[in-house]
Amino acid sequence: MFTITSLFDIFAFLYVLRSAQLLVTLGRQWSTFRAGPLTAAKKGLAEQSAFFIAVPLSVFFHELAHALAVWSFGGQVLGFTYRFFWGAVNHVGSYTPAERWFIALAGTIGSLL
């Protein structure tokens, strides 16, 4: 059966392919990319790098922070899903409203770090 999760997986796979292509391009053009002046092409490459390279790292730390918060409040992580551009943490536990709030907030804190 086709679900929204399947659609997210398809997009994530396509984005990973683009990320790999971008990493190869950056590797080949690194010395000219770092040298001045800033051109429109370099700006475009930097913008794409921000999305296709930085976002997967941020998503990982976002989900990890949720999991760490769950563990810190005595919860149990049942599943940790990481698909580069999206993720999820399934967990169980008995939490106070403040602990639930912090578990939700932890993802944002992880992304910022």
PDB file of N, CA and C in Angstrom:
ATOM      1  N   MET A   1       0.827  -1.175   0.000  1.00  0.00           N
ATOM      2  CA  MET A   1       0.000   0.000   0.000  1.00  0.00           C
ATOM      3  C   MET A   1       0.878   1.248   0.000  1.00  0.00           C
ATOM      4  N   PHE A   2       0.475   2.225  -0.771  1.00  0.00           N
ATOM      5  CA  PHE A   2       1.227   3.476  -0.871  1.00  0.00           C
ATOM      6  C   PHE A   2       0.764   4.422   0.229  1.00  0.00           C
ATOM      7  N   THR A   3       1.704   4.907   1.030  1.00  0.00           N
ATOM      8  CA  THR A   3       1.372   5.819   2.126  1.00  0.00           C
ATOM      9  C   THR A   3       2.167   7.108   1.985  1.00  0.00           C
ATOM     10  N   ILE A   4       1.843   8.057   2.819  1.00  0.00           N
ATOM     11  CA  ILE A   4       2.588   9.318   2.824  1.00  0.00           C
ATOM     12  C   ILE A   4       4.045   9.071   3.201  1.00  0.00           C
ATOM     13  N   THR A   5       4.276   8.068   4.052  1.00  0.00           N
ATOM     14  CA  THR A   5       5.649   7.713   4.414  1.00  0.00           C
ATOM     15  C   THR A   5       6.412   7.235   3.188  1.00  0.00           C
ATOM     16  N   SER A   6       5.749   6.465   2.332  1.00  0.00           N
ATOM     17  CA  SER A   6       6.397   6.010   1.093  1.00  0.00           C
ATOM     18  C   SER A   6       6.786   7.195   0.219  1.00  0.00           C
ATOM     19  N   LEU A   7       5.912   8.173   0.144  1.00  0.00           N
ATOM     20  CA  LEU A   7       6.204   9.367  -0.643  1.00  0.00           C
ATOM     21  C   LEU A   7       7.405  10.117  -0.060  1.00  0.00           C
ATOM     22  N   PHE A   8       7.440  10.256   1.273  1.00  0.00           N
ATOM     23  CA  PHE A   8       8.584  10.895   1.914  1.00  0.00           C
ATOM     24  C   PHE A   8       9.868  10.130   1.636  1.00  0.00           C
ATOM     25  N   ASP A   9       9.810   8.797   1.655  1.00  0.00           N
ATOM     26  CA  ASP A   9      10.989   7.977   1.362  1.00  0.00           C
ATOM     27  C   ASP A   9      11.471   8.189  -0.071  1.00  0.00           C
ATOM     28  N   ILE A  10      10.542   8.299  -1.004  1.00  0.00           N
ATOM     29  CA  ILE A  10      10.916   8.520  -2.411  1.00  0.00           C
ATOM     30  C   ILE A  10      11.616   9.870  -2.557  1.00  0.00           C
ATOM     31  N   PHE A  11      11.035  10.910  -1.974  1.00  0.00           N
ATOM     32  CA  PHE A  11      11.674  12.225  -2.045  1.00  0.00           C
ATOM     33  C   PHE A  11      13.039  12.217  -1.356  1.00  0.00           C
ATOM     34  N   ALA A  12      13.135  11.566  -0.208  1.00  0.00           N
ATOM     35  CA  ALA A  12      14.412  11.500   0.499  1.00  0.00           C
ATOM     36  C   ALA A  12      15.460  10.814  -0.361  1.00  0.00           C
ATOM     37  N   PHE A  13      15.082   9.732  -1.034  1.00  0.00           N
ATOM     38  CA  PHE A  13      16.024   9.024  -1.905  1.00  0.00           C
ATOM     39  C   PHE A  13      16.503   9.937  -3.037  1.00  0.00           C
ATOM     40  N   LEU A  14      15.589  10.658  -3.671  1.00  0.00           N
ATOM     41  CA  LEU A  14      15.970  11.571  -4.745  1.00  0.00           C
ATOM     42  C   LEU A  14      16.876  12.686  -4.227  1.00  0.00           C
ATOM     43  N   TYR A  15      16.573  13.191  -3.032  1.00  0.00           N
ATOM     44  CA  TYR A  15      17.402  14.230  -2.426  1.00  0.00           C
ATOM     45  C   TYR A  15      18.792  13.711  -2.082  1.00  0.00           C
ATOM     46  N   VAL A  16      18.879  12.464  -1.644  1.00  0.00           N
ATOM     47  CA  VAL A  16      20.190  11.871  -1.338  1.00  0.00           C
ATOM     48  C   VAL A  16      21.022  11.763  -2.609  1.00  0.00           C
ATOM     49  N   LEU A  17      20.387  11.395  -3.716  1.00  0.00           N
ATOM     50  CA  LEU A  17      21.114  11.350  -4.992  1.00  0.00           C
ATOM     51  C   LEU A  17      21.643  12.734  -5.354  1.00  0.00           C
ATOM     52  N   ARG A  18      20.821  13.760  -5.165  1.00  0.00           N
ATOM     53  CA  ARG A  18      21.267  15.122  -5.452  1.00  0.00           C
ATOM     54  C   ARG A  18      22.376  15.548  -4.497  1.00  0.00           C
ATOM     55  N   SER A  19      22.272  15.130  -3.251  1.00  0.00           N
ATOM     56  CA  SER A  19      23.325  15.451  -2.273  1.00  0.00           C
ATOM     57  C   SER A  19      24.657  14.853  -2.694  1.00  0.00           C
ATOM     58  N   ALA A  20      24.644  13.606  -3.141  1.00  0.00           N
ATOM     59  CA  ALA A  20      25.871  12.943  -3.589  1.00  0.00           C
ATOM     60  C   ALA A  20      26.456  13.673  -4.799  1.00  0.00           C
ATOM     61  N   GLN A  21      25.587  14.037  -5.732  1.00  0.00           N
ATOM     62  CA  GLN A  21      26.046  14.765  -6.916  1.00  0.00           C
ATOM     63  C   GLN A  21      26.668  16.107  -6.509  1.00  0.00           C
ATOM     64  N   LEU A  22      26.053  16.766  -5.569  1.00  0.00           N
ATOM     65  CA  LEU A  22      26.561  18.052  -5.092  1.00  0.00           C
ATOM     66  C   LEU A  22      27.909  17.901  -4.398  1.00  0.00           C
ATOM     67  N   LEU A  23      28.061  16.857  -3.599  1.00  0.00           N
ATOM     68  CA  LEU A  23      29.349  16.614  -2.929  1.00  0.00           C
ATOM     69  C   LEU A  23      30.460  16.365  -3.946  1.00  0.00           C
ATOM     70  N   VAL A  24      30.164  15.641  -5.003  1.00  0.00           N
ATOM     71  CA  VAL A  24      31.162  15.411  -6.056  1.00  0.00           C
ATOM     72  C   VAL A  24      31.529  16.739  -6.720  1.00  0.00           C
ATOM     73  N   THR A  25      30.526  17.538  -7.030  1.00  0.00           N
ATOM     74  CA  THR A  25      30.776  18.838  -7.655  1.00  0.00           C
ATOM     75  C   THR A  25      31.620  19.724  -6.756  1.00  0.00           C
ATOM     76  N   LEU A  26      31.274  19.777  -5.466  1.00  0.00           N
ATOM     77  CA  LEU A  26      32.060  20.587  -4.533  1.00  0.00           C
ATOM     78  C   LEU A  26      33.491  20.071  -4.420  1.00  0.00           C
ATOM     79  N   GLY A  27      33.657  18.760  -4.403  1.00  0.00           N
ATOM     80  CA  GLY A  27      34.995  18.185  -4.322  1.00  0.00           C
ATOM     81  C   GLY A  27      35.856  18.566  -5.514  1.00  0.00           C
ATOM     82  N   ARG A  28      35.262  18.552  -6.684  1.00  0.00           N
ATOM     83  CA  ARG A  28      36.004  18.888  -7.900  1.00  0.00           C
ATOM     84  C   ARG A  28      36.307  20.378  -8.012  1.00  0.00           C
ATOM     85  N   GLN A  29      35.422  21.211  -7.493  1.00  0.00           N
ATOM     86  CA  GLN A  29      35.563  22.657  -7.647  1.00  0.00           C
ATOM     87  C   GLN A  29      35.946  23.359  -6.349  1.00  0.00           C
ATOM     88  N   TRP A  30      36.435  22.626  -5.365  1.00  0.00           N
ATOM     89  CA  TRP A  30      36.658  23.208  -4.045  1.00  0.00           C
ATOM     90  C   TRP A  30      37.587  24.419  -4.067  1.00  0.00           C
ATOM     91  N   SER A  31      38.702  24.318  -4.750  1.00  0.00           N
ATOM     92  CA  SER A  31      39.653  25.440  -4.724  1.00  0.00           C
ATOM     93  C   SER A  31      39.068  26.679  -5.406  1.00  0.00           C
ATOM     94  N   THR A  32      38.375  26.516  -6.496  1.00  0.00           N
ATOM     95  CA  THR A  32      37.760  27.677  -7.150  1.00  0.00           C
ATOM     96  C   THR A  32      36.521  28.152  -6.391  1.00  0.00           C
ATOM     97  N   PHE A  33      35.838  27.225  -5.729  1.00  0.00           N
ATOM     98  CA  PHE A  33      34.653  27.599  -4.943  1.00  0.00           C
ATOM     99  C   PHE A  33      35.042  28.511  -3.784  1.00  0.00           C
ATOM    100  N   ARG A  34      36.161  28.202  -3.135  1.00  0.00           N
ATOM    101  CA  ARG A  34      36.618  28.984  -1.980  1.00  0.00           C
ATOM    102  C   ARG A  34      37.253  30.310  -2.380  1.00  0.00           C
ATOM    103  N   ALA A  35      37.798  30.397  -3.582  1.00  0.00           N
ATOM    104  CA  ALA A  35      38.474  31.627  -4.022  1.00  0.00           C
ATOM    105  C   ALA A  35      37.442  32.678  -4.426  1.00  0.00           C
ATOM    106  N   GLY A  36      37.797  33.929  -4.224  1.00  0.00           N
ATOM    107  CA  GLY A  36      36.913  35.026  -4.615  1.00  0.00           C
ATOM    108  C   GLY A  36      36.944  35.243  -6.106  1.00  0.00           C
ATOM    109  N   PRO A  37      36.084  35.999  -6.625  1.00  0.00           N
ATOM    110  CA  PRO A  37      34.944  36.651  -5.998  1.00  0.00           C
ATOM    111  C   PRO A  37      33.731  35.717  -5.939  1.00  0.00           C
ATOM    112  N   LEU A  38      32.736  36.128  -5.181  1.00  0.00           N
ATOM    113  CA  LEU A  38      31.498  35.370  -5.079  1.00  0.00           C
ATOM    114  C   LEU A  38      30.667  35.620  -6.331  1.00  0.00           C
ATOM    115  N   THR A  39      30.482  34.578  -7.105  1.00  0.00           N
ATOM    116  CA  THR A  39      29.685  34.689  -8.324  1.00  0.00           C
ATOM    117  C   THR A  39      28.293  34.119  -8.078  1.00  0.00           C
ATOM    118  N   ALA A  40      27.419  34.335  -9.036  1.00  0.00           N
ATOM    119  CA  ALA A  40      26.059  33.797  -8.926  1.00  0.00           C
ATOM    120  C   ALA A  40      26.090  32.270  -8.878  1.00  0.00           C
ATOM    121  N   ALA A  41      26.998  31.653  -9.627  1.00  0.00           N
ATOM    122  CA  ALA A  41      27.112  30.194  -9.640  1.00  0.00           C
ATOM    123  C   ALA A  41      27.582  29.672  -8.278  1.00  0.00           C
ATOM    124  N   LYS A  42      28.551  30.364  -7.689  1.00  0.00           N
ATOM    125  CA  LYS A  42      29.040  29.953  -6.367  1.00  0.00           C
ATOM    126  C   LYS A  42      27.957  30.135  -5.305  1.00  0.00           C
ATOM    127  N   LYS A  43      27.219  31.220  -5.417  1.00  0.00           N
ATOM    128  CA  LYS A  43      26.131  31.465  -4.475  1.00  0.00           C
ATOM    129  C   LYS A  43      25.084  30.353  -4.585  1.00  0.00           C
ATOM    130  N   GLY A  44      24.756  29.970  -5.799  1.00  0.00           N
ATOM    131  CA  GLY A  44      23.788  28.889  -6.007  1.00  0.00           C
ATOM    132  C   GLY A  44      24.284  27.576  -5.436  1.00  0.00           C
ATOM    133  N   LEU A  45      25.556  27.302  -5.604  1.00  0.00           N
ATOM    134  CA  LEU A  45      26.154  26.080  -5.061  1.00  0.00           C
ATOM    135  C   LEU A  45      26.132  26.097  -3.534  1.00  0.00           C
ATOM    136  N   ALA A  46      26.395  27.246  -2.944  1.00  0.00           N
ATOM    137  CA  ALA A  46      26.359  27.374  -1.483  1.00  0.00           C
ATOM    138  C   ALA A  46      24.939  27.197  -0.954  1.00  0.00           C
ATOM    139  N   GLU A  47      23.966  27.759  -1.652  1.00  0.00           N
ATOM    140  CA  GLU A  47      22.571  27.611  -1.232  1.00  0.00           C
ATOM    141  C   GLU A  47      22.118  26.152  -1.314  1.00  0.00           C
ATOM    142  N   GLN A  48      22.500  25.479  -2.377  1.00  0.00           N
ATOM    143  CA  GLN A  48      22.158  24.065  -2.515  1.00  0.00           C
ATOM    144  C   GLN A  48      22.849  23.233  -1.439  1.00  0.00           C
ATOM    145  N   SER A  49      24.079  23.589  -1.122  1.00  0.00           N
ATOM    146  CA  SER A  49      24.809  22.872  -0.076  1.00  0.00           C
ATOM    147  C   SER A  49      24.116  23.031   1.270  1.00  0.00           C
ATOM    148  N   ALA A  50      23.603  24.220   1.536  1.00  0.00           N
ATOM    149  CA  ALA A  50      22.908  24.458   2.797  1.00  0.00           C
ATOM    150  C   ALA A  50      21.723  23.513   2.939  1.00  0.00           C
ATOM    151  N   PHE A  51      21.024  23.255   1.861  1.00  0.00           N
ATOM    152  CA  PHE A  51      19.869  22.365   1.929  1.00  0.00           C
ATOM    153  C   PHE A  51      20.274  20.897   1.854  1.00  0.00           C
ATOM    154  N   PHE A  52      20.989  20.522   0.826  1.00  0.00           N
ATOM    155  CA  PHE A  52      21.248  19.108   0.551  1.00  0.00           C
ATOM    156  C   PHE A  52      22.338  18.479   1.416  1.00  0.00           C
ATOM    157  N   ILE A  53      23.162  19.290   2.079  1.00  0.00           N
ATOM    158  CA  ILE A  53      24.216  18.743   2.932  1.00  0.00           C
ATOM    159  C   ILE A  53      23.954  19.057   4.404  1.00  0.00           C
ATOM    160  N   ALA A  54      23.587  20.286   4.704  1.00  0.00           N
ATOM    161  CA  ALA A  54      23.392  20.669   6.101  1.00  0.00           C
ATOM    162  C   ALA A  54      22.091  20.122   6.693  1.00  0.00           C
ATOM    163  N   VAL A  55      21.028  20.066   5.911  1.00  0.00           N
ATOM    164  CA  VAL A  55      19.746  19.585   6.449  1.00  0.00           C
ATOM    165  C   VAL A  55      19.821  18.139   6.929  1.00  0.00           C
ATOM    166  N   PRO A  56      20.410  17.198   6.183  1.00  0.00           N
ATOM    167  CA  PRO A  56      20.483  15.824   6.710  1.00  0.00           C
ATOM    168  C   PRO A  56      21.213  15.732   8.053  1.00  0.00           C
ATOM    169  N   LEU A  57      22.258  16.519   8.234  1.00  0.00           N
ATOM    170  CA  LEU A  57      22.953  16.538   9.525  1.00  0.00           C
ATOM    171  C   LEU A  57      22.046  17.086  10.616  1.00  0.00           C
ATOM    172  N   SER A  58      21.334  18.140  10.296  1.00  0.00           N
ATOM    173  CA  SER A  58      20.428  18.740  11.264  1.00  0.00           C
ATOM    174  C   SER A  58      19.293  17.788  11.641  1.00  0.00           C
ATOM    175  N   VAL A  59      18.761  17.072  10.675  1.00  0.00           N
ATOM    176  CA  VAL A  59      17.681  16.114  10.952  1.00  0.00           C
ATOM    177  C   VAL A  59      18.174  15.021  11.896  1.00  0.00           C
ATOM    178  N   PHE A  60      19.392  14.522  11.673  1.00  0.00           N
ATOM    179  CA  PHE A  60      19.931  13.477  12.543  1.00  0.00           C
ATOM    180  C   PHE A  60      20.024  13.981  13.989  1.00  0.00           C
ATOM    181  N   PHE A  61      20.606  15.152  14.188  1.00  0.00           N
ATOM    182  CA  PHE A  61      20.765  15.671  15.541  1.00  0.00           C
ATOM    183  C   PHE A  61      19.418  16.057  16.163  1.00  0.00           C
ATOM    184  N   HIS A  62      18.465  16.465  15.334  1.00  0.00           N
ATOM    185  CA  HIS A  62      17.113  16.764  15.803  1.00  0.00           C
ATOM    186  C   HIS A  62      16.478  15.512  16.417  1.00  0.00           C
ATOM    187  N   GLU A  63      16.512  14.408  15.674  1.00  0.00           N
ATOM    188  CA  GLU A  63      15.910  13.162  16.160  1.00  0.00           C
ATOM    189  C   GLU A  63      16.693  12.587  17.340  1.00  0.00           C
ATOM    190  N   LEU A  64      18.015  12.695  17.299  1.00  0.00           N
ATOM    191  CA  LEU A  64      18.835  12.219  18.409  1.00  0.00           C
ATOM    192  C   LEU A  64      18.507  12.977  19.697  1.00  0.00           C
ATOM    193  N   ALA A  65      18.275  14.267  19.587  1.00  0.00           N
ATOM    194  CA  ALA A  65      17.938  15.064  20.772  1.00  0.00           C
ATOM    195  C   ALA A  65      16.597  14.629  21.364  1.00  0.00           C
ATOM    196  N   HIS A  66      15.617  14.320  20.500  1.00  0.00           N
ATOM    197  CA  HIS A  66      14.353  13.769  21.008  1.00  0.00           C
ATOM    198  C   HIS A  66      14.610  12.486  21.792  1.00  0.00           C
ATOM    199  N   ALA A  67      15.408  11.588  21.210  1.00  0.00           N
ATOM    200  CA  ALA A  67      15.694  10.303  21.861  1.00  0.00           C
ATOM    201  C   ALA A  67      16.419  10.507  23.192  1.00  0.00           C
ATOM    202  N   LEU A  68      17.391  11.395  23.224  1.00  0.00           N
ATOM    203  CA  LEU A  68      18.114  11.661  24.470  1.00  0.00           C
ATOM    204  C   LEU A  68      17.179  12.211  25.549  1.00  0.00           C
ATOM    205  N   ALA A  69      16.252  13.062  25.150  1.00  0.00           N
ATOM    206  CA  ALA A  69      15.293  13.612  26.111  1.00  0.00           C
ATOM    207  C   ALA A  69      14.383  12.509  26.652  1.00  0.00           C
ATOM    208  N   VAL A  70      13.942  11.616  25.768  1.00  0.00           N
ATOM    209  CA  VAL A  70      13.106  10.488  26.212  1.00  0.00           C
ATOM    210  C   VAL A  70      13.863   9.651  27.231  1.00  0.00           C
ATOM    211  N   TRP A  71      15.107   9.302  26.924  1.00  0.00           N
ATOM    212  CA  TRP A  71      15.916   8.497  27.843  1.00  0.00           C
ATOM    213  C   TRP A  71      16.154   9.233  29.156  1.00  0.00           C
ATOM    214  N   SER A  72      16.357  10.531  29.099  1.00  0.00           N
ATOM    215  CA  SER A  72      16.641  11.285  30.331  1.00  0.00           C
ATOM    216  C   SER A  72      15.442  11.308  31.282  1.00  0.00           C
ATOM    217  N   PHE A  73      14.235  11.121  30.757  1.00  0.00           N
ATOM    218  CA  PHE A  73      13.041  11.092  31.604  1.00  0.00           C
ATOM    219  C   PHE A  73      12.551   9.670  31.858  1.00  0.00           C
ATOM    220  N   GLY A  74      13.406   8.690  31.602  1.00  0.00           N
ATOM    221  CA  GLY A  74      13.078   7.306  31.902  1.00  0.00           C
ATOM    222  C   GLY A  74      12.207   6.619  30.872  1.00  0.00           C
ATOM    223  N   GLY A  75      12.017   7.226  29.727  1.00  0.00           N
ATOM    224  CA  GLY A  75      11.221   6.617  28.662  1.00  0.00           C
ATOM    225  C   GLY A  75      12.027   5.592  27.883  1.00  0.00           C
ATOM    226  N   GLN A  76      11.325   4.874  27.039  1.00  0.00           N
ATOM    227  CA  GLN A  76      11.971   3.856  26.208  1.00  0.00           C
ATOM    228  C   GLN A  76      11.760   4.210  24.739  1.00  0.00           C
ATOM    229  N   VAL A  77      12.841   4.264  23.987  1.00  0.00           N
ATOM    230  CA  VAL A  77      12.770   4.528  22.557  1.00  0.00           C
ATOM    231  C   VAL A  77      12.474   3.201  21.859  1.00  0.00           C
ATOM    232  N   LEU A  78      11.338   3.144  21.175  1.00  0.00           N
ATOM    233  CA  LEU A  78      10.938   1.927  20.466  1.00  0.00           C
ATOM    234  C   LEU A  78      11.451   1.904  19.034  1.00  0.00           C
ATOM    235  N   GLY A  79      11.638   3.072  18.473  1.00  0.00           N
ATOM    236  CA  GLY A  79      12.114   3.143  17.096  1.00  0.00           C
ATOM    237  C   GLY A  79      12.756   4.485  16.805  1.00  0.00           C
ATOM    238  N   PHE A  80      13.823   4.443  16.050  1.00  0.00           N
ATOM    239  CA  PHE A  80      14.536   5.656  15.632  1.00  0.00           C
ATOM    240  C   PHE A  80      14.616   5.596  14.115  1.00  0.00           C
ATOM    241  N   THR A  81      13.871   6.456  13.456  1.00  0.00           N
ATOM    242  CA  THR A  81      13.826   6.477  11.996  1.00  0.00           C
ATOM    243  C   THR A  81      14.605   7.681  11.499  1.00  0.00           C
ATOM    244  N   TYR A  82      15.557   7.433  10.605  1.00  0.00           N
ATOM    245  CA  TYR A  82      16.339   8.519  10.018  1.00  0.00           C
ATOM    246  C   TYR A  82      16.411   8.283   8.516  1.00  0.00           C
ATOM    247  N   ARG A  83      15.780   9.175   7.765  1.00  0.00           N
ATOM    248  CA  ARG A  83      15.759   9.075   6.315  1.00  0.00           C
ATOM    249  C   ARG A  83      16.396  10.293   5.653  1.00  0.00           C
ATOM    250  N   PHE A  84      17.449  10.817   6.249  1.00  0.00           N
ATOM    251  CA  PHE A  84      18.240  11.948   5.758  1.00  0.00           C
ATOM    252  C   PHE A  84      17.489  13.273   5.785  1.00  0.00           C
ATOM    253  N   PHE A  85      16.313  13.335   5.210  1.00  0.00           N
ATOM    254  CA  PHE A  85      15.578  14.591   5.157  1.00  0.00           C
ATOM    255  C   PHE A  85      14.322  14.582   6.012  1.00  0.00           C
ATOM    256  N   TRP A  86      14.074  13.486   6.675  1.00  0.00           N
ATOM    257  CA  TRP A  86      12.992  13.403   7.662  1.00  0.00           C
ATOM    258  C   TRP A  86      13.307  12.270   8.619  1.00  0.00           C
ATOM    259  N   GLY A  87      12.675  12.282   9.761  1.00  0.00           N
ATOM    260  CA  GLY A  87      12.918  11.242  10.746  1.00  0.00           C
ATOM    261  C   GLY A  87      11.809  11.212  11.781  1.00  0.00           C
ATOM    262  N   ALA A  88      11.905  10.252  12.673  1.00  0.00           N
ATOM    263  CA  ALA A  88      10.911  10.111  13.740  1.00  0.00           C
ATOM    264  C   ALA A  88      11.508   9.296  14.871  1.00  0.00           C
ATOM    265  N   VAL A  89      11.017   9.547  16.069  1.00  0.00           N
ATOM    266  CA  VAL A  89      11.384   8.759  17.242  1.00  0.00           C
ATOM    267  C   VAL A  89      10.084   8.263  17.862  1.00  0.00           C
ATOM    268  N   ASN A  90       9.907   6.955  17.912  1.00  0.00           N
ATOM    269  CA  ASN A  90       8.749   6.352  18.574  1.00  0.00           C
ATOM    270  C   ASN A  90       9.174   5.946  19.969  1.00  0.00           C
ATOM    271  N   HIS A  91       8.363   6.317  20.948  1.00  0.00           N
ATOM    272  CA  HIS A  91       8.764   6.060  22.339  1.00  0.00           C
ATOM    273  C   HIS A  91       7.550   5.846  23.220  1.00  0.00           C
ATOM    274  N   VAL A  92       7.808   5.273  24.378  1.00  0.00           N
ATOM    275  CA  VAL A  92       6.782   5.108  25.413  1.00  0.00           C
ATOM    276  C   VAL A  92       7.373   5.554  26.738  1.00  0.00           C
ATOM    277  N   GLY A  93       6.497   5.996  27.609  1.00  0.00           N
ATOM    278  CA  GLY A  93       6.924   6.415  28.934  1.00  0.00           C
ATOM    279  C   GLY A  93       5.811   7.179  29.615  1.00  0.00           C
ATOM    280  N   SER A  94       5.983   7.373  30.884  1.00  0.00           N
ATOM    281  CA  SER A  94       5.031   8.147  31.665  1.00  0.00           C
ATOM    282  C   SER A  94       5.685   9.490  31.978  1.00  0.00           C
ATOM    283  N   TYR A  95       5.183  10.543  31.343  1.00  0.00           N
ATOM    284  CA  TYR A  95       5.814  11.850  31.442  1.00  0.00           C
ATOM    285  C   TYR A  95       4.852  12.871  32.040  1.00  0.00           C
ATOM    286  N   THR A  96       5.430  13.826  32.732  1.00  0.00           N
ATOM    287  CA  THR A  96       4.646  14.972  33.180  1.00  0.00           C
ATOM    288  C   THR A  96       4.446  15.898  31.972  1.00  0.00           C
ATOM    289  N   PRO A  97       3.496  16.820  32.050  1.00  0.00           N
ATOM    290  CA  PRO A  97       3.343  17.771  30.938  1.00  0.00           C
ATOM    291  C   PRO A  97       4.631  18.553  30.641  1.00  0.00           C
ATOM    292  N   ALA A  98       5.381  18.908  31.654  1.00  0.00           N
ATOM    293  CA  ALA A  98       6.636  19.636  31.432  1.00  0.00           C
ATOM    294  C   ALA A  98       7.658  18.762  30.714  1.00  0.00           C
ATOM    295  N   GLU A  99       7.700  17.475  31.059  1.00  0.00           N
ATOM    296  CA  GLU A  99       8.632  16.559  30.386  1.00  0.00           C
ATOM    297  C   GLU A  99       8.228  16.359  28.931  1.00  0.00           C
ATOM    298  N   ARG A 100       6.939  16.241  28.667  1.00  0.00           N
ATOM    299  CA  ARG A 100       6.463  16.132  27.271  1.00  0.00           C
ATOM    300  C   ARG A 100       6.868  17.372  26.474  1.00  0.00           C
ATOM    301  N   TRP A 101       6.705  18.528  27.098  1.00  0.00           N
ATOM    302  CA  TRP A 101       7.075  19.776  26.443  1.00  0.00           C
ATOM    303  C   TRP A 101       8.562  19.773  26.117  1.00  0.00           C
ATOM    304  N   PHE A 102       9.393  19.344  27.074  1.00  0.00           N
ATOM    305  CA  PHE A 102      10.832  19.352  26.833  1.00  0.00           C
ATOM    306  C   PHE A 102      11.224  18.331  25.766  1.00  0.00           C
ATOM    307  N   ILE A 103      10.580  17.166  25.756  1.00  0.00           N
ATOM    308  CA  ILE A 103      10.874  16.169  24.718  1.00  0.00           C
ATOM    309  C   ILE A 103      10.576  16.748  23.340  1.00  0.00           C
ATOM    310  N   ALA A 104       9.471  17.464  23.224  1.00  0.00           N
ATOM    311  CA  ALA A 104       9.140  18.104  21.946  1.00  0.00           C
ATOM    312  C   ALA A 104      10.140  19.202  21.599  1.00  0.00           C
ATOM    313  N   LEU A 105      10.527  19.991  22.584  1.00  0.00           N
ATOM    314  CA  LEU A 105      11.468  21.083  22.363  1.00  0.00           C
ATOM    315  C   LEU A 105      12.886  20.586  22.064  1.00  0.00           C
ATOM    316  N   ALA A 106      13.227  19.433  22.577  1.00  0.00           N
ATOM    317  CA  ALA A 106      14.589  18.892  22.435  1.00  0.00           C
ATOM    318  C   ALA A 106      15.011  18.778  20.980  1.00  0.00           C
ATOM    319  N   GLY A 107      14.086  18.446  20.092  1.00  0.00           N
ATOM    320  CA  GLY A 107      14.427  18.339  18.672  1.00  0.00           C
ATOM    321  C   GLY A 107      14.923  19.654  18.109  1.00  0.00           C
ATOM    322  N   THR A 108      14.255  20.724  18.469  1.00  0.00           N
ATOM    323  CA  THR A 108      14.680  22.055  17.996  1.00  0.00           C
ATOM    324  C   THR A 108      16.043  22.418  18.559  1.00  0.00           C
ATOM    325  N   ILE A 109      16.251  22.097  19.835  1.00  0.00           N
ATOM    326  CA  ILE A 109      17.553  22.370  20.447  1.00  0.00           C
ATOM    327  C   ILE A 109      18.648  21.581  19.735  1.00  0.00           C
ATOM    328  N   GLY A 110      18.367  20.312  19.432  1.00  0.00           N
ATOM    329  CA  GLY A 110      19.335  19.489  18.701  1.00  0.00           C
ATOM    330  C   GLY A 110      19.649  20.051  17.323  1.00  0.00           C
ATOM    331  N   SER A 111      18.635  20.552  16.638  1.00  0.00           N
ATOM    332  CA  SER A 111      18.854  21.144  15.316  1.00  0.00           C
ATOM    333  C   SER A 111      19.731  22.382  15.414  1.00  0.00           C
ATOM    334  N   LEU A 112      19.511  23.186  16.439  1.00  0.00           N
ATOM    335  CA  LEU A 112      20.292  24.409  16.599  1.00  0.00           C
ATOM    336  C   LEU A 112      21.751  24.111  16.932  1.00  0.00           C
ATOM    337  N   LEU A 113      21.973  23.051  17.722  1.00  0.00           N
ATOM    338  CA  LEU A 113      23.352  22.710  18.066  1.00  0.00           C
ATOM    339  C   LEU A 113      24.086  22.192  16.856  1.00  0.00           C
TER     340      LEU A 113
END
